[in-house]
PDB file of N, CA and C in Angstrom:
ATOM      1  N   MET A   1     -30.521 109.627  -7.868  1.00  0.00           N
ATOM      2  CA  MET A   1     -31.492 109.725  -6.979  1.00  0.00           C
ATOM      3  C   MET A   1     -31.953 111.286  -6.202  1.00  0.00           C
ATOM      4  N   LYS A   2     -31.245 111.518  -6.529  1.00  0.00           N
ATOM      5  CA  LYS A   2     -31.251 113.905  -6.198  1.00  0.00           C
ATOM      6  C   LYS A   2     -32.271 114.286  -7.219  1.00  0.00           C
ATOM      7  N   GLY A   3     -31.165 114.576  -8.504  1.00  0.00           N
ATOM      8  CA  GLY A   3     -32.351 114.409  -9.079  1.00  0.00           C
ATOM      9  C   GLY A   3     -33.913 114.061  -9.681  1.00  0.00           C
ATOM     10  N   CYS A   4     -33.967 112.447  -9.336  1.00  0.00           N
ATOM     11  CA  CYS A   4     -35.443 112.692  -9.386  1.00  0.00           C
ATOM     12  C   CYS A   4     -36.109 112.858  -7.570  1.00  0.00           C
ATOM     13  N   LEU A   5     -35.864 112.941  -6.948  1.00  0.00           N
ATOM     14  CA  LEU A   5     -36.562 114.319  -5.732  1.00  0.00           C
ATOM     15  C   LEU A   5     -36.324 115.234  -5.461  1.00  0.00           C
ATOM     16  N   ASN A   6     -35.483 115.974  -6.753  1.00  0.00           N
ATOM     17  CA  ASN A   6     -35.919 117.503  -6.589  1.00  0.00           C
ATOM     18  C   ASN A   6     -36.885 117.610  -8.110  1.00  0.00           C
ATOM     19  N   ILE A   7     -37.035 116.601  -9.234  1.00  0.00           N
ATOM     20  CA  ILE A   7     -37.669 116.305  -9.931  1.00  0.00           C
ATOM     21  C   ILE A   7     -40.191 115.814  -9.020  1.00  0.00           C
ATOM     22  N   LEU A   8     -40.260 115.582  -7.922  1.00  0.00           N
ATOM     23  CA  LEU A   8     -41.137 115.596  -7.010  1.00  0.00           C
ATOM     24  C   LEU A   8     -41.452 116.083  -5.710  1.00  0.00           C
ATOM     25  N   VAL A   9     -40.687 116.768  -5.763  1.00  0.00           N
ATOM     26  CA  VAL A   9     -40.467 118.267  -4.881  1.00  0.00           C
ATOM     27  C   VAL A   9     -41.118 118.861  -5.924  1.00  0.00           C
ATOM     28  N   ASN A  10     -40.728 119.575  -6.898  1.00  0.00           N
ATOM     29  CA  ASN A  10     -41.176 120.425  -8.411  1.00  0.00           C
ATOM     30  C   ASN A  10     -42.696 119.900  -8.718  1.00  0.00           C
ATOM     31  N   LEU A  11     -43.487 118.730  -8.707  1.00  0.00           N
ATOM     32  CA  LEU A  11     -44.228 118.537  -9.118  1.00  0.00           C
ATOM     33  C   LEU A  11     -45.884 118.754  -7.796  1.00  0.00           C
ATOM     34  N   VAL A  12     -44.445 118.001  -6.497  1.00  0.00           N
ATOM     35  CA  VAL A  12     -45.557 118.462  -5.858  1.00  0.00           C
ATOM     36  C   VAL A  12     -46.574 120.055  -5.588  1.00  0.00           C
ATOM     37  N   PHE A  13     -44.722 121.058  -5.574  1.00  0.00           N
ATOM     38  CA  PHE A  13     -44.977 122.126  -4.843  1.00  0.00           C
ATOM     39  C   PHE A  13     -45.895 123.006  -6.106  1.00  0.00           C
ATOM     40  N   TYR A  14     -45.251 123.049  -7.796  1.00  0.00           N
ATOM     41  CA  TYR A  14     -45.868 123.369  -8.517  1.00  0.00           C
ATOM     42  C   TYR A  14     -48.034 122.841  -8.185  1.00  0.00           C
ATOM     43  N   GLY A  15     -48.058 121.805  -8.606  1.00  0.00           N
ATOM     44  CA  GLY A  15     -48.954 121.053  -8.286  1.00  0.00           C
ATOM     45  C   GLY A  15     -49.986 121.777  -7.129  1.00  0.00           C
ATOM     46  N   SER A  16     -49.481 122.030  -6.299  1.00  0.00           N
ATOM     47  CA  SER A  16     -50.529 122.725  -4.612  1.00  0.00           C
ATOM     48  C   SER A  16     -50.710 123.723  -5.162  1.00  0.00           C
ATOM     49  N   ILE A  17     -49.250 124.854  -6.574  1.00  0.00           N
ATOM     50  CA  ILE A  17     -49.595 126.731  -6.224  1.00  0.00           C
ATOM     51  C   ILE A  17     -51.198 126.553  -7.231  1.00  0.00           C
ATOM     52  N   ALA A  18     -51.204 125.327  -8.596  1.00  0.00           N
ATOM     53  CA  ALA A  18     -51.992 124.654  -8.950  1.00  0.00           C
ATOM     54  C   ALA A  18     -53.546 125.347  -8.992  1.00  0.00           C
ATOM     55  N   VAL A  19     -53.690 123.837  -7.801  1.00  0.00           N
ATOM     56  CA  VAL A  19     -55.010 123.459  -7.202  1.00  0.00           C
ATOM     57  C   VAL A  19     -55.080 125.010  -6.488  1.00  0.00           C
ATOM     58  N   ALA A  20     -54.198 125.740  -5.595  1.00  0.00           N
ATOM     59  CA  ALA A  20     -54.598 127.007  -4.602  1.00  0.00           C
ATOM     60  C   ALA A  20     -55.464 128.118  -5.528  1.00  0.00           C
ATOM     61  N   GLY A  21     -54.751 128.119  -6.916  1.00  0.00           N
ATOM     62  CA  GLY A  21     -55.561 129.655  -8.040  1.00  0.00           C
ATOM     63  C   GLY A  21     -56.480 128.740  -8.296  1.00  0.00           C
ATOM     64  N   TYR A  22     -56.915 127.133  -8.664  1.00  0.00           N
ATOM     65  CA  TYR A  22     -58.307 126.832  -8.975  1.00  0.00           C
ATOM     66  C   TYR A  22     -59.105 127.191  -7.862  1.00  0.00           C
ATOM     67  N   LEU A  23     -58.568 126.767  -6.451  1.00  0.00           N
ATOM     68  CA  LEU A  23     -58.977 127.590  -5.778  1.00  0.00           C
ATOM     69  C   LEU A  23     -59.836 128.577  -5.373  1.00  0.00           C
ATOM     70  N   LEU A  24     -58.918 129.480  -5.691  1.00  0.00           N
ATOM     71  CA  LEU A  24     -59.389 130.588  -5.500  1.00  0.00           C
ATOM     72  C   LEU A  24     -60.187 131.851  -6.325  1.00  0.00           C
ATOM     73  N   LEU A  25     -60.045 131.447  -7.301  1.00  0.00           N
ATOM     74  CA  LEU A  25     -60.696 130.388  -8.542  1.00  0.00           C
ATOM     75  C   LEU A  25     -62.028 130.705  -7.889  1.00  0.00           C
ATOM     76  N   GLN A  26     -62.849 129.876  -7.989  1.00  0.00           N
ATOM     77  CA  GLN A  26     -63.399 129.670  -7.315  1.00  0.00           C
ATOM     78  C   GLN A  26     -64.512 130.152  -6.947  1.00  0.00           C
ATOM     79  N   VAL A  27     -63.466 130.258  -5.419  1.00  0.00           N
ATOM     80  CA  VAL A  27     -64.315 130.955  -4.285  1.00  0.00           C
ATOM     81  C   VAL A  27     -64.611 133.049  -4.759  1.00  0.00           C
ATOM     82  N   PHE A  28     -63.580 133.230  -5.340  1.00  0.00           N
ATOM     83  CA  PHE A  28     -63.652 134.719  -5.561  1.00  0.00           C
ATOM     84  C   PHE A  28     -64.374 135.326  -7.580  1.00  0.00           C
ATOM     85  N   LEU A  29     -63.892 134.411  -7.909  1.00  0.00           N
ATOM     86  CA  LEU A  29     -64.543 135.275  -8.952  1.00  0.00           C
ATOM     87  C   LEU A  29     -65.244 134.300 -10.372  1.00  0.00           C
ATOM     88  N   LEU A  30     -66.048 133.600  -9.530  1.00  0.00           N
ATOM     89  CA  LEU A  30     -66.224 132.784 -10.486  1.00  0.00           C
ATOM     90  C   LEU A  30     -68.087 132.058  -9.134  1.00  0.00           C
ATOM     91  N   VAL A  31     -68.947 132.679  -9.337  1.00  0.00           N
ATOM     92  CA  VAL A  31     -69.715 131.971  -8.146  1.00  0.00           C
ATOM     93  C   VAL A  31     -70.810 131.592  -8.638  1.00  0.00           C
ATOM     94  N   SER A  32     -70.699 130.410  -8.542  1.00  0.00           N
ATOM     95  CA  SER A  32     -72.297 129.225  -8.318  1.00  0.00           C
ATOM     96  C   SER A  32     -73.717 128.488  -7.600  1.00  0.00           C
ATOM     97  N   PHE A  33     -74.511 128.936  -7.916  1.00  0.00           N
ATOM     98  CA  PHE A  33     -75.747 128.053  -6.885  1.00  0.00           C
ATOM     99  C   PHE A  33     -77.170 127.664  -7.864  1.00  0.00           C
ATOM    100  N   LYS A  34     -77.408 127.662  -7.500  1.00  0.00           N
ATOM    101  CA  LYS A  34     -78.070 125.425  -8.106  1.00  0.00           C
ATOM    102  C   LYS A  34     -79.347 125.671  -7.532  1.00  0.00           C
ATOM    103  N   VAL A  35     -80.202 125.561  -8.385  1.00  0.00           N
ATOM    104  CA  VAL A  35     -81.393 126.331  -7.354  1.00  0.00           C
ATOM    105  C   VAL A  35     -82.846 125.141  -7.052  1.00  0.00           C
ATOM    106  N   PRO A  36     -82.634 125.324  -5.998  1.00  0.00           N
ATOM    107  CA  PRO A  36     -82.693 124.636  -4.673  1.00  0.00           C
ATOM    108  C   PRO A  36     -84.763 123.601  -5.259  1.00  0.00           C
ATOM    109  N   THR A  37     -85.322 124.750  -5.417  1.00  0.00           N
ATOM    110  CA  THR A  37     -87.110 123.935  -5.842  1.00  0.00           C
ATOM    111  C   THR A  37     -88.132 124.813  -6.539  1.00  0.00           C
ATOM    112  N   ASN A  38     -88.873 124.568  -6.996  1.00  0.00           N
ATOM    113  CA  ASN A  38     -89.652 124.923  -8.390  1.00  0.00           C
ATOM    114  C   ASN A  38     -90.081 126.529  -8.348  1.00  0.00           C
ATOM    115  N   SER A  39     -89.874 126.750  -7.706  1.00  0.00           N
ATOM    116  CA  SER A  39     -90.357 128.194  -7.361  1.00  0.00           C
ATOM    117  C   SER A  39     -90.128 129.024  -8.469  1.00  0.00           C
ATOM    118  N   VAL A  40     -89.297 128.521  -8.843  1.00  0.00           N
ATOM    119  CA  VAL A  40     -89.329 129.801 -10.414  1.00  0.00           C
ATOM    120  C   VAL A  40     -89.462 129.215 -12.073  1.00  0.00           C
ATOM    121  N   LEU A  41     -90.809 128.370 -11.935  1.00  0.00           N
ATOM    122  CA  LEU A  41     -90.913 127.910 -12.925  1.00  0.00           C
ATOM    123  C   LEU A  41     -91.820 128.309 -13.585  1.00  0.00           C
ATOM    124  N   PRO A  42     -91.950 128.743 -14.943  1.00  0.00           N
ATOM    125  CA  PRO A  42     -90.658 127.812 -15.931  1.00  0.00           C
ATOM    126  C   PRO A  42     -89.734 128.375 -16.281  1.00  0.00           C
ATOM    127  N   THR A  43     -89.503 129.480 -15.400  1.00  0.00           N
ATOM    128  CA  THR A  43     -88.033 130.284 -16.091  1.00  0.00           C
ATOM    129  C   THR A  43     -86.291 129.365 -16.160  1.00  0.00           C
ATOM    130  N   LEU A  44     -86.574 128.612 -14.830  1.00  0.00           N
ATOM    131  CA  LEU A  44     -85.922 127.887 -14.256  1.00  0.00           C
ATOM    132  C   LEU A  44     -86.342 126.434 -14.098  1.00  0.00           C
ATOM    133  N   MET A  45     -85.904 125.180 -13.939  1.00  0.00           N
ATOM    134  CA  MET A  45     -85.627 123.447 -13.913  1.00  0.00           C
ATOM    135  C   MET A  45     -85.493 123.580 -12.484  1.00  0.00           C
ATOM    136  N   GLN A  46     -85.606 123.321 -11.763  1.00  0.00           N
ATOM    137  CA  GLN A  46     -85.139 122.967  -9.876  1.00  0.00           C
ATOM    138  C   GLN A  46     -83.835 121.449 -10.213  1.00  0.00           C
ATOM    139  N   GLY A  47     -82.561 122.599 -10.203  1.00  0.00           N
ATOM    140  CA  GLY A  47     -81.295 121.590  -9.729  1.00  0.00           C
ATOM    141  C   GLY A  47     -80.524 122.750 -10.685  1.00  0.00           C
ATOM    142  N   THR A  48     -81.201 123.445 -11.404  1.00  0.00           N
ATOM    143  CA  THR A  48     -80.360 124.498 -12.723  1.00  0.00           C
ATOM    144  C   THR A  48     -79.366 124.995 -12.173  1.00  0.00           C
ATOM    145  N   LEU A  49     -77.965 125.503 -12.793  1.00  0.00           N
ATOM    146  CA  LEU A  49     -76.997 125.901 -11.730  1.00  0.00           C
ATOM    147  C   LEU A  49     -76.458 126.866 -12.631  1.00  0.00           C
ATOM    148  N   LEU A  50     -76.820 128.130 -11.190  1.00  0.00           N
ATOM    149  CA  LEU A  50     -76.645 129.315 -11.992  1.00  0.00           C
ATOM    150  C   LEU A  50     -75.341 129.851 -11.825  1.00  0.00           C
ATOM    151  N   SER A  51     -74.002 130.515 -12.631  1.00  0.00           N
ATOM    152  CA  SER A  51     -72.745 131.167 -12.258  1.00  0.00           C
ATOM    153  C   SER A  51     -72.665 132.938 -12.376  1.00  0.00           C
ATOM    154  N   PHE A  52     -72.400 132.778 -12.406  1.00  0.00           N
ATOM    155  CA  PHE A  52     -72.292 133.924 -12.043  1.00  0.00           C
ATOM    156  C   PHE A  52     -70.985 135.508 -11.839  1.00  0.00           C
ATOM    157  N   ASP A  53     -69.957 136.267 -12.079  1.00  0.00           N
ATOM    158  CA  ASP A  53     -68.957 136.895 -11.912  1.00  0.00           C
ATOM    159  C   ASP A  53     -68.922 137.232 -10.940  1.00  0.00           C
ATOM    160  N   GLY A  54     -68.107 136.881  -9.814  1.00  0.00           N
ATOM    161  CA  GLY A  54     -68.487 137.282  -9.127  1.00  0.00           C
ATOM    162  C   GLY A  54     -67.408 137.881  -8.149  1.00  0.00           C
ATOM    163  N   VAL A  55     -66.612 139.337  -8.671  1.00  0.00           N
ATOM    164  CA  VAL A  55     -66.004 140.775  -8.451  1.00  0.00           C
ATOM    165  C   VAL A  55     -66.829 141.404  -8.850  1.00  0.00           C
ATOM    166  N   ILE A  56     -68.164 140.846  -9.897  1.00  0.00           N
ATOM    167  CA  ILE A  56     -69.526 142.084  -9.627  1.00  0.00           C
ATOM    168  C   ILE A  56     -70.304 141.694  -8.806  1.00  0.00           C
ATOM    169  N   LEU A  57     -70.970 140.774  -9.223  1.00  0.00           N
ATOM    170  CA  LEU A  57     -71.038 140.068  -7.761  1.00  0.00           C
ATOM    171  C   LEU A  57     -71.407 140.148  -6.103  1.00  0.00           C
ATOM    172  N   LEU A  58     -69.927 140.629  -5.679  1.00  0.00           N
ATOM    173  CA  LEU A  58     -69.649 141.763  -4.483  1.00  0.00           C
ATOM    174  C   LEU A  58     -69.651 143.588  -4.669  1.00  0.00           C
ATOM    175  N   GLY A  59     -69.142 143.629  -5.454  1.00  0.00           N
ATOM    176  CA  GLY A  59     -69.263 144.453  -5.044  1.00  0.00           C
ATOM    177  C   GLY A  59     -70.663 145.554  -5.565  1.00  0.00           C
ATOM    178  N   TYR A  60     -71.092 144.599  -5.950  1.00  0.00           N
ATOM    179  CA  TYR A  60     -72.796 145.565  -5.905  1.00  0.00           C
ATOM    180  C   TYR A  60     -73.800 144.783  -4.633  1.00  0.00           C
ATOM    181  N   TYR A  61     -73.727 144.271  -4.115  1.00  0.00           N
ATOM    182  CA  TYR A  61     -74.245 143.407  -3.501  1.00  0.00           C
ATOM    183  C   TYR A  61     -74.213 142.541  -2.782  1.00  0.00           C
ATOM    184  N   ASP A  62     -75.082 143.295  -1.252  1.00  0.00           N
ATOM    185  CA  ASP A  62     -74.044 141.927   0.320  1.00  0.00           C
ATOM    186  C   ASP A  62     -74.164 141.029   0.213  1.00  0.00           C
ATOM    187  N   LEU A  63     -73.244 140.049  -0.431  1.00  0.00           N
ATOM    188  CA  LEU A  63     -73.449 138.459  -0.248  1.00  0.00           C
ATOM    189  C   LEU A  63     -74.276 137.745   1.321  1.00  0.00           C
ATOM    190  N   ASP A  64     -73.738 138.349   2.367  1.00  0.00           N
ATOM    191  CA  ASP A  64     -74.998 137.052   3.113  1.00  0.00           C
ATOM    192  C   ASP A  64     -76.763 138.135   2.537  1.00  0.00           C
ATOM    193  N   GLU A  65     -76.861 138.808   2.001  1.00  0.00           N
ATOM    194  CA  GLU A  65     -78.128 138.853   1.477  1.00  0.00           C
ATOM    195  C   GLU A  65     -78.501 137.714   0.479  1.00  0.00           C
ATOM    196  N   VAL A  66     -77.750 137.652  -0.105  1.00  0.00           N
ATOM    197  CA  VAL A  66     -77.817 136.843  -1.899  1.00  0.00           C
ATOM    198  C   VAL A  66     -77.231 135.101  -1.462  1.00  0.00           C
ATOM    199  N   LEU A  67     -76.985 134.407  -0.890  1.00  0.00           N
ATOM    200  CA  LEU A  67     -76.647 133.858  -0.009  1.00  0.00           C
ATOM    201  C   LEU A  67     -77.707 132.906   0.737  1.00  0.00           C
ATOM    202  N   ASP A  68     -78.977 134.371   1.239  1.00  0.00           N
ATOM    203  CA  ASP A  68     -80.224 133.881   1.245  1.00  0.00           C
ATOM    204  C   ASP A  68     -80.990 134.060   1.224  1.00  0.00           C
TER     205      ASP A  68
END
């Protein structure tokens, strides 16, 4: 019984570390934007998902300006 509890605790612990790592990657390394309108036609379609390298993006631009 103790062995099963130990395995369960390890699964929860390492699973939470994996989820936290994934979320950190999504927030800081991969920045995604969705094109909200057709204002950039014909280059991009409405709803197009754009992905940027967050490290480079944060290094060269003020994030508040990019998100506005």
